[in-house]
PDB file of N, CA and C in Angstrom:
ATOM      1  N   UNK A   1      -1.029  37.983  20.698  1.00  0.00           N
ATOM      2  CA  UNK A   1      -1.166  38.053  19.260  1.00  0.00           C
ATOM      3  C   UNK A   1       0.219  38.147  18.644  1.00  0.00           C
ATOM      4  N   UNK A   2       0.323  37.595  17.454  1.00  0.00           N
ATOM      5  CA  UNK A   2       1.575  37.654  16.733  1.00  0.00           C
ATOM      6  C   UNK A   2       1.302  37.663  15.252  1.00  0.00           C
ATOM      7  N   UNK A   3       2.358  37.625  14.476  1.00  0.00           N
ATOM      8  CA  UNK A   3       2.190  37.568  13.029  1.00  0.00           C
ATOM      9  C   UNK A   3       3.065  36.460  12.466  1.00  0.00           C
ATOM     10  N   UNK A   4       2.553  35.798  11.470  1.00  0.00           N
ATOM     11  CA  UNK A   4       3.281  34.807  10.696  1.00  0.00           C
ATOM     12  C   UNK A   4       3.030  35.176   9.254  1.00  0.00           C
ATOM     13  N   UNK A   5       4.084  35.498   8.539  1.00  0.00           N
ATOM     14  CA  UNK A   5       3.936  35.848   7.119  1.00  0.00           C
ATOM     15  C   UNK A   5       2.884  36.927   6.922  1.00  0.00           C
ATOM     16  N   UNK A   6       2.914  37.947   7.776  1.00  0.00           N
ATOM     17  CA  UNK A   6       2.017  39.106   7.698  1.00  0.00           C
ATOM     18  C   UNK A   6       0.563  38.803   8.080  1.00  0.00           C
ATOM     19  N   UNK A   7       0.273  37.614   8.594  1.00  0.00           N
ATOM     20  CA  UNK A   7      -1.076  37.285   9.071  1.00  0.00           C
ATOM     21  C   UNK A   7      -1.134  37.562  10.566  1.00  0.00           C
ATOM     22  N   UNK A   8      -2.235  38.104  11.049  1.00  0.00           N
ATOM     23  CA  UNK A   8      -2.436  38.256  12.487  1.00  0.00           C
ATOM     24  C   UNK A   8      -2.889  36.905  13.029  1.00  0.00           C
ATOM     25  N   UNK A   9      -2.188  36.420  14.027  1.00  0.00           N
ATOM     26  CA  UNK A   9      -2.445  35.099  14.589  1.00  0.00           C
ATOM     27  C   UNK A   9      -2.725  35.234  16.081  1.00  0.00           C
ATOM     28  N   UNK A  10      -3.697  34.477  16.567  1.00  0.00           N
ATOM     29  CA  UNK A  10      -3.987  34.397  17.989  1.00  0.00           C
ATOM     30  C   UNK A  10      -4.097  32.941  18.383  1.00  0.00           C
ATOM     31  N   UNK A  11      -4.197  32.701  19.675  1.00  0.00           N
ATOM     32  CA  UNK A  11      -4.333  31.333  20.173  1.00  0.00           C
ATOM     33  C   UNK A  11      -5.568  31.234  21.051  1.00  0.00           C
ATOM     34  N   UNK A  12      -6.337  30.166  20.859  1.00  0.00           N
ATOM     35  CA  UNK A  12      -7.520  29.939  21.676  1.00  0.00           C
ATOM     36  C   UNK A  12      -7.050  29.483  23.053  1.00  0.00           C
ATOM     37  N   UNK A  13      -7.563  30.175  24.081  1.00  0.00           N
ATOM     38  CA  UNK A  13      -7.143  29.895  25.449  1.00  0.00           C
ATOM     39  C   UNK A  13      -8.313  29.475  26.321  1.00  0.00           C
ATOM     40  N   UNK A  14      -7.950  28.870  27.448  1.00  0.00           N
ATOM     41  CA  UNK A  14      -8.946  28.503  28.451  1.00  0.00           C
ATOM     42  C   UNK A  14      -9.641  29.761  28.973  1.00  0.00           C
ATOM     43  N   UNK A  15     -10.824  29.605  29.525  1.00  0.00           N
ATOM     44  CA  UNK A  15     -11.537  30.752  30.093  1.00  0.00           C
ATOM     45  C   UNK A  15     -10.759  31.400  31.232  1.00  0.00           C
ATOM     46  N   UNK A  16     -11.101  32.633  31.508  1.00  0.00           N
ATOM     47  CA  UNK A  16     -10.548  33.347  32.653  1.00  0.00           C
ATOM     48  C   UNK A  16     -10.877  32.544  33.915  1.00  0.00           C
ATOM     49  N   UNK A  17      -9.910  32.376  34.810  1.00  0.00           N
ATOM     50  CA  UNK A  17     -10.105  31.595  36.033  1.00  0.00           C
ATOM     51  C   UNK A  17     -11.198  32.157  36.922  1.00  0.00           C
ATOM     52  N   UNK A  18     -11.494  33.432  36.798  1.00  0.00           N
ATOM     53  CA  UNK A  18     -12.533  34.044  37.629  1.00  0.00           C
ATOM     54  C   UNK A  18     -13.933  33.889  37.039  1.00  0.00           C
ATOM     55  N   UNK A  19     -14.038  33.345  35.825  1.00  0.00           N
ATOM     56  CA  UNK A  19     -15.339  33.150  35.182  1.00  0.00           C
ATOM     57  C   UNK A  19     -16.057  32.001  35.880  1.00  0.00           C
ATOM     58  N   UNK A  20     -17.121  32.310  36.594  1.00  0.00           N
ATOM     59  CA  UNK A  20     -17.856  31.320  37.381  1.00  0.00           C
ATOM     60  C   UNK A  20     -19.021  30.691  36.626  1.00  0.00           C
ATOM     61  N   UNK A  21     -19.226  31.103  35.388  1.00  0.00           N
ATOM     62  CA  UNK A  21     -20.311  30.544  34.579  1.00  0.00           C
ATOM     63  C   UNK A  21     -20.065  29.052  34.365  1.00  0.00           C
ATOM     64  N   UNK A  22     -21.101  28.198  34.426  1.00  0.00           N
ATOM     65  CA  UNK A  22     -20.892  26.771  34.172  1.00  0.00           C
ATOM     66  C   UNK A  22     -20.461  26.496  32.722  1.00  0.00           C
ATOM     67  N   UNK A  23     -20.677  27.475  31.851  1.00  0.00           N
ATOM     68  CA  UNK A  23     -20.249  27.387  30.450  1.00  0.00           C
ATOM     69  C   UNK A  23     -19.359  28.592  30.154  1.00  0.00           C
ATOM     70  N   UNK A  24     -18.138  28.601  30.709  1.00  0.00           N
ATOM     71  CA  UNK A  24     -17.259  29.768  30.567  1.00  0.00           C
ATOM     72  C   UNK A  24     -16.809  29.959  29.126  1.00  0.00           C
ATOM     73  N   UNK A  25     -16.577  31.200  28.766  1.00  0.00           N
ATOM     74  CA  UNK A  25     -16.214  31.542  27.396  1.00  0.00           C
ATOM     75  C   UNK A  25     -14.713  31.392  27.169  1.00  0.00           C
ATOM     76  N   UNK A  26     -14.346  30.683  26.090  1.00  0.00           N
ATOM     77  CA  UNK A  26     -12.947  30.624  25.672  1.00  0.00           C
ATOM     78  C   UNK A  26     -12.544  32.015  25.196  1.00  0.00           C
ATOM     79  N   UNK A  27     -11.252  32.306  25.215  1.00  0.00           N
ATOM     80  CA  UNK A  27     -10.774  33.622  24.788  1.00  0.00           C
ATOM     81  C   UNK A  27      -9.633  33.465  23.785  1.00  0.00           C
ATOM     82  N   UNK A  28      -9.313  34.576  23.118  1.00  0.00           N
ATOM     83  CA  UNK A  28      -8.167  34.617  22.209  1.00  0.00           C
ATOM     84  C   UNK A  28      -7.047  35.407  22.860  1.00  0.00           C
ATOM     85  N   UNK A  29      -5.801  34.932  22.714  1.00  0.00           N
ATOM     86  CA  UNK A  29      -4.649  35.625  23.288  1.00  0.00           C
ATOM     87  C   UNK A  29      -4.608  37.072  22.839  1.00  0.00           C
ATOM     88  N   UNK A  30      -4.104  37.889  23.735  1.00  0.00           N
ATOM     89  CA  UNK A  30      -3.893  39.293  23.407  1.00  0.00           C
ATOM     90  C   UNK A  30      -5.151  40.119  23.400  1.00  0.00           C
ATOM     91  N   UNK A  31      -6.122  39.729  22.602  1.00  0.00           N
ATOM     92  CA  UNK A  31      -7.321  40.548  22.442  1.00  0.00           C
ATOM     93  C   UNK A  31      -8.287  40.394  23.608  1.00  0.00           C
ATOM     94  N   UNK A  32      -8.280  39.221  24.256  1.00  0.00           N
ATOM     95  CA  UNK A  32      -9.248  38.955  25.311  1.00  0.00           C
ATOM     96  C   UNK A  32     -10.645  38.726  24.759  1.00  0.00           C
ATOM     97  N   UNK A  33     -10.758  38.670  23.427  1.00  0.00           N
ATOM     98  CA  UNK A  33     -12.041  38.453  22.762  1.00  0.00           C
ATOM     99  C   UNK A  33     -12.648  37.146  23.240  1.00  0.00           C
ATOM    100  N   UNK A  34     -13.892  37.184  23.671  1.00  0.00           N
ATOM    101  CA  UNK A  34     -14.598  35.983  24.081  1.00  0.00           C
ATOM    102  C   UNK A  34     -15.209  35.282  22.886  1.00  0.00           C
ATOM    103  N   UNK A  35     -14.984  33.989  22.797  1.00  0.00           N
ATOM    104  CA  UNK A  35     -15.497  33.190  21.686  1.00  0.00           C
ATOM    105  C   UNK A  35     -16.944  32.804  21.975  1.00  0.00           C
ATOM    106  N   UNK A  36     -17.781  32.909  20.964  1.00  0.00           N
ATOM    107  CA  UNK A  36     -19.191  32.562  21.064  1.00  0.00           C
ATOM    108  C   UNK A  36     -19.453  31.270  20.295  1.00  0.00           C
ATOM    109  N   UNK A  37     -20.444  30.521  20.740  1.00  0.00           N
ATOM    110  CA  UNK A  37     -20.854  29.325  20.011  1.00  0.00           C
ATOM    111  C   UNK A  37     -21.219  29.728  18.585  1.00  0.00           C
ATOM    112  N   UNK A  38     -20.732  28.978  17.629  1.00  0.00           N
ATOM    113  CA  UNK A  38     -20.990  29.255  16.223  1.00  0.00           C
ATOM    114  C   UNK A  38     -19.919  30.086  15.549  1.00  0.00           C
ATOM    115  N   UNK A  39     -18.950  30.597  16.327  1.00  0.00           N
ATOM    116  CA  UNK A  39     -17.864  31.379  15.725  1.00  0.00           C
ATOM    117  C   UNK A  39     -17.009  30.481  14.829  1.00  0.00           C
ATOM    118  N   UNK A  40     -16.603  31.037  13.712  1.00  0.00           N
ATOM    119  CA  UNK A  40     -15.746  30.315  12.780  1.00  0.00           C
ATOM    120  C   UNK A  40     -14.355  30.909  12.757  1.00  0.00           C
ATOM    121  N   UNK A  41     -13.372  30.056  12.534  1.00  0.00           N
ATOM    122  CA  UNK A  41     -11.974  30.470  12.489  1.00  0.00           C
ATOM    123  C   UNK A  41     -11.238  29.677  11.421  1.00  0.00           C
ATOM    124  N   UNK A  42     -10.103  30.207  11.005  1.00  0.00           N
ATOM    125  CA  UNK A  42      -9.155  29.450  10.199  1.00  0.00           C
ATOM    126  C   UNK A  42      -8.068  29.033  11.171  1.00  0.00           C
ATOM    127  N   UNK A  43      -7.964  27.728  11.433  1.00  0.00           N
ATOM    128  CA  UNK A  43      -7.081  27.211  12.480  1.00  0.00           C
ATOM    129  C   UNK A  43      -5.957  26.379  11.882  1.00  0.00           C
ATOM    130  N   UNK A  44      -4.804  26.431  12.546  1.00  0.00           N
ATOM    131  CA  UNK A  44      -3.626  25.700  12.104  1.00  0.00           C
ATOM    132  C   UNK A  44      -3.596  24.304  12.726  1.00  0.00           C
ATOM    133  N   UNK A  45      -3.538  23.305  11.858  1.00  0.00           N
ATOM    134  CA  UNK A  45      -3.401  21.907  12.246  1.00  0.00           C
ATOM    135  C   UNK A  45      -2.074  21.399  11.685  1.00  0.00           C
ATOM    136  N   UNK A  46      -1.605  20.228  12.102  1.00  0.00           N
ATOM    137  CA  UNK A  46      -0.327  19.723  11.586  1.00  0.00           C
ATOM    138  C   UNK A  46      -0.263  19.634  10.059  1.00  0.00           C
ATOM    139  N   UNK A  47      -1.407  19.438   9.416  1.00  0.00           N
ATOM    140  CA  UNK A  47      -1.404  19.323   7.953  1.00  0.00           C
ATOM    141  C   UNK A  47      -1.783  20.622   7.242  1.00  0.00           C
ATOM    142  N   UNK A  48      -1.861  21.733   7.985  1.00  0.00           N
ATOM    143  CA  UNK A  48      -2.156  23.020   7.359  1.00  0.00           C
ATOM    144  C   UNK A  48      -3.361  23.702   7.988  1.00  0.00           C
ATOM    145  N   UNK A  49      -3.828  24.755   7.316  1.00  0.00           N
ATOM    146  CA  UNK A  49      -4.935  25.570   7.806  1.00  0.00           C
ATOM    147  C   UNK A  49      -6.273  24.945   7.417  1.00  0.00           C
ATOM    148  N   UNK A  50      -7.218  24.962   8.368  1.00  0.00           N
ATOM    149  CA  UNK A  50      -8.568  24.438   8.134  1.00  0.00           C
ATOM    150  C   UNK A  50      -9.588  25.427   8.667  1.00  0.00           C
ATOM    151  N   UNK A  51     -10.713  25.529   7.959  1.00  0.00           N
ATOM    152  CA  UNK A  51     -11.846  26.316   8.435  1.00  0.00           C
ATOM    153  C   UNK A  51     -12.579  25.476   9.479  1.00  0.00           C
ATOM    154  N   UNK A  52     -12.805  26.055  10.662  1.00  0.00           N
ATOM    155  CA  UNK A  52     -13.507  25.332  11.728  1.00  0.00           C
ATOM    156  C   UNK A  52     -14.625  26.199  12.304  1.00  0.00           C
ATOM    157  N   UNK A  53     -15.556  25.536  12.942  1.00  0.00           N
ATOM    158  CA  UNK A  53     -16.613  26.210  13.693  1.00  0.00           C
ATOM    159  C   UNK A  53     -16.581  25.639  15.105  1.00  0.00           C
ATOM    160  N   UNK A  54     -16.654  26.529  16.083  1.00  0.00           N
ATOM    161  CA  UNK A  54     -16.618  26.111  17.474  1.00  0.00           C
ATOM    162  C   UNK A  54     -18.021  26.210  18.062  1.00  0.00           C
ATOM    163  N   UNK A  55     -18.429  25.147  18.750  1.00  0.00           N
ATOM    164  CA  UNK A  55     -19.760  25.075  19.358  1.00  0.00           C
ATOM    165  C   UNK A  55     -19.640  24.706  20.830  1.00  0.00           C
ATOM    166  N   UNK A  56     -20.781  24.732  21.517  1.00  0.00           N
ATOM    167  CA  UNK A  56     -20.827  24.442  22.946  1.00  0.00           C
ATOM    168  C   UNK A  56     -21.899  23.396  23.232  1.00  0.00           C
ATOM    169  N   UNK A  57     -21.579  22.439  24.091  1.00  0.00           N
ATOM    170  CA  UNK A  57     -22.545  21.443  24.562  1.00  0.00           C
ATOM    171  C   UNK A  57     -23.103  21.930  25.906  1.00  0.00           C
ATOM    172  N   UNK A  58     -24.415  22.086  25.992  1.00  0.00           N
ATOM    173  CA  UNK A  58     -25.021  22.567  27.230  1.00  0.00           C
ATOM    174  C   UNK A  58     -24.975  21.528  28.334  1.00  0.00           C
ATOM    175  N   UNK A  59     -24.937  20.235  27.965  1.00  0.00           N
ATOM    176  CA  UNK A  59     -24.935  19.188  28.988  1.00  0.00           C
ATOM    177  C   UNK A  59     -23.570  19.035  29.666  1.00  0.00           C
ATOM    178  N   UNK A  60     -22.529  19.618  29.094  1.00  0.00           N
ATOM    179  CA  UNK A  60     -21.185  19.620  29.690  1.00  0.00           C
ATOM    180  C   UNK A  60     -20.983  20.946  30.420  1.00  0.00           C
ATOM    181  N   UNK A  61     -20.098  20.957  31.410  1.00  0.00           N
ATOM    182  CA  UNK A  61     -19.768  22.204  32.090  1.00  0.00           C
ATOM    183  C   UNK A  61     -18.259  22.413  32.061  1.00  0.00           C
ATOM    184  N   UNK A  62     -17.856  23.638  32.368  1.00  0.00           N
ATOM    185  CA  UNK A  62     -16.442  23.984  32.321  1.00  0.00           C
ATOM    186  C   UNK A  62     -15.951  24.083  30.889  1.00  0.00           C
ATOM    187  N   UNK A  63     -14.654  24.161  30.733  1.00  0.00           N
ATOM    188  CA  UNK A  63     -14.075  24.314  29.394  1.00  0.00           C
ATOM    189  C   UNK A  63     -14.371  23.125  28.491  1.00  0.00           C
ATOM    190  N   UNK A  64     -14.723  21.974  29.073  1.00  0.00           N
ATOM    191  CA  UNK A  64     -15.035  20.776  28.287  1.00  0.00           C
ATOM    192  C   UNK A  64     -16.299  20.933  27.448  1.00  0.00           C
ATOM    193  N   UNK A  65     -17.082  21.987  27.697  1.00  0.00           N
ATOM    194  CA  UNK A  65     -18.314  22.182  26.927  1.00  0.00           C
ATOM    195  C   UNK A  65     -18.025  22.618  25.487  1.00  0.00           C
ATOM    196  N   UNK A  66     -16.799  23.107  25.207  1.00  0.00           N
ATOM    197  CA  UNK A  66     -16.451  23.605  23.876  1.00  0.00           C
ATOM    198  C   UNK A  66     -15.909  22.493  22.998  1.00  0.00           C
ATOM    199  N   UNK A  67     -16.314  22.496  21.721  1.00  0.00           N
ATOM    200  CA  UNK A  67     -15.831  21.502  20.774  1.00  0.00           C
ATOM    201  C   UNK A  67     -15.842  22.080  19.365  1.00  0.00           C
ATOM    202  N   UNK A  68     -15.169  21.400  18.456  1.00  0.00           N
ATOM    203  CA  UNK A  68     -15.150  21.783  17.044  1.00  0.00           C
ATOM    204  C   UNK A  68     -16.237  20.978  16.354  1.00  0.00           C
ATOM    205  N   UNK A  69     -17.169  21.662  15.689  1.00  0.00           N
ATOM    206  CA  UNK A  69     -18.276  20.964  15.031  1.00  0.00           C
ATOM    207  C   UNK A  69     -17.993  20.631  13.574  1.00  0.00           C
ATOM    208  N   UNK A  70     -16.885  21.075  13.053  1.00  0.00           N
ATOM    209  CA  UNK A  70     -16.531  20.808  11.662  1.00  0.00           C
ATOM    210  C   UNK A  70     -16.342  19.304  11.465  1.00  0.00           C
ATOM    211  N   UNK A  71     -17.021  18.699  10.471  1.00  0.00           N
ATOM    212  CA  UNK A  71     -16.884  17.263  10.243  1.00  0.00           C
ATOM    213  C   UNK A  71     -15.416  16.839  10.105  1.00  0.00           C
ATOM    214  N   UNK A  72     -15.083  15.754  10.791  1.00  0.00           N
ATOM    215  CA  UNK A  72     -13.735  15.205  10.744  1.00  0.00           C
ATOM    216  C   UNK A  72     -12.780  15.807  11.755  1.00  0.00           C
ATOM    217  N   UNK A  73     -13.191  16.878  12.438  1.00  0.00           N
ATOM    218  CA  UNK A  73     -12.300  17.531  13.408  1.00  0.00           C
ATOM    219  C   UNK A  73     -12.892  17.555  14.813  1.00  0.00           C
ATOM    220  N   UNK A  74     -14.001  16.869  15.023  1.00  0.00           N
ATOM    221  CA  UNK A  74     -14.676  16.871  16.311  1.00  0.00           C
ATOM    222  C   UNK A  74     -13.878  16.249  17.437  1.00  0.00           C
ATOM    223  N   UNK A  75     -12.879  15.452  17.118  1.00  0.00           N
ATOM    224  CA  UNK A  75     -12.056  14.806  18.143  1.00  0.00           C
ATOM    225  C   UNK A  75     -10.937  15.720  18.657  1.00  0.00           C
ATOM    226  N   UNK A  76     -10.776  16.902  18.043  1.00  0.00           N
ATOM    227  CA  UNK A  76      -9.697  17.827  18.403  1.00  0.00           C
ATOM    228  C   UNK A  76     -10.219  18.869  19.384  1.00  0.00           C
ATOM    229  N   UNK A  77      -9.488  19.079  20.464  1.00  0.00           N
ATOM    230  CA  UNK A  77      -9.843  20.118  21.432  1.00  0.00           C
ATOM    231  C   UNK A  77      -9.473  21.481  20.849  1.00  0.00           C
ATOM    232  N   UNK A  78     -10.377  22.459  20.888  1.00  0.00           N
ATOM    233  CA  UNK A  78     -10.050  23.766  20.321  1.00  0.00           C
ATOM    234  C   UNK A  78      -9.047  24.572  21.149  1.00  0.00           C
ATOM    235  N   UNK A  79      -8.914  24.257  22.437  1.00  0.00           N
ATOM    236  CA  UNK A  79      -7.998  25.013  23.302  1.00  0.00           C
ATOM    237  C   UNK A  79      -6.560  24.789  22.838  1.00  0.00           C
ATOM    238  N   UNK A  80      -5.862  25.901  22.630  1.00  0.00           N
ATOM    239  CA  UNK A  80      -4.469  25.839  22.211  1.00  0.00           C
ATOM    240  C   UNK A  80      -4.252  26.002  20.721  1.00  0.00           C
ATOM    241  N   UNK A  81      -5.317  25.919  19.930  1.00  0.00           N
ATOM    242  CA  UNK A  81      -5.156  26.074  18.485  1.00  0.00           C
ATOM    243  C   UNK A  81      -4.759  27.514  18.135  1.00  0.00           C
ATOM    244  N   UNK A  82      -3.896  27.646  17.159  1.00  0.00           N
ATOM    245  CA  UNK A  82      -3.559  28.955  16.595  1.00  0.00           C
ATOM    246  C   UNK A  82      -4.555  29.251  15.492  1.00  0.00           C
ATOM    247  N   UNK A  83      -5.084  30.465  15.479  1.00  0.00           N
ATOM    248  CA  UNK A  83      -6.099  30.848  14.498  1.00  0.00           C
ATOM    249  C   UNK A  83      -5.756  32.190  13.882  1.00  0.00           C
ATOM    250  N   UNK A  84      -6.219  32.388  12.643  1.00  0.00           N
ATOM    251  CA  UNK A  84      -6.066  33.671  11.981  1.00  0.00           C
ATOM    252  C   UNK A  84      -7.108  34.617  12.550  1.00  0.00           C
ATOM    253  N   UNK A  85      -6.693  35.855  12.804  1.00  0.00           N
ATOM    254  CA  UNK A  85      -7.614  36.845  13.349  1.00  0.00           C
ATOM    255  C   UNK A  85      -8.191  37.713  12.262  1.00  0.00           C
TER     256      UNK A  85
END
């Protein structure tokens, strides 16, 4: 976790390597908070901050099951995004 202009910022990370679930939970840096399907965040993109919602596809396994459901941002992988906490 860090701060930018007094905002608490975290980064979406890959699941813990020991998570054996076929649909492992993404986490946030520092906090270890597990992300749930339907969670919303304010995420930093090259053109600024955007409100996003993260969802999970049951037919996919591993970290690839996670995606951004916000219209126009579905092609972006959520892993690595900086988000406001």
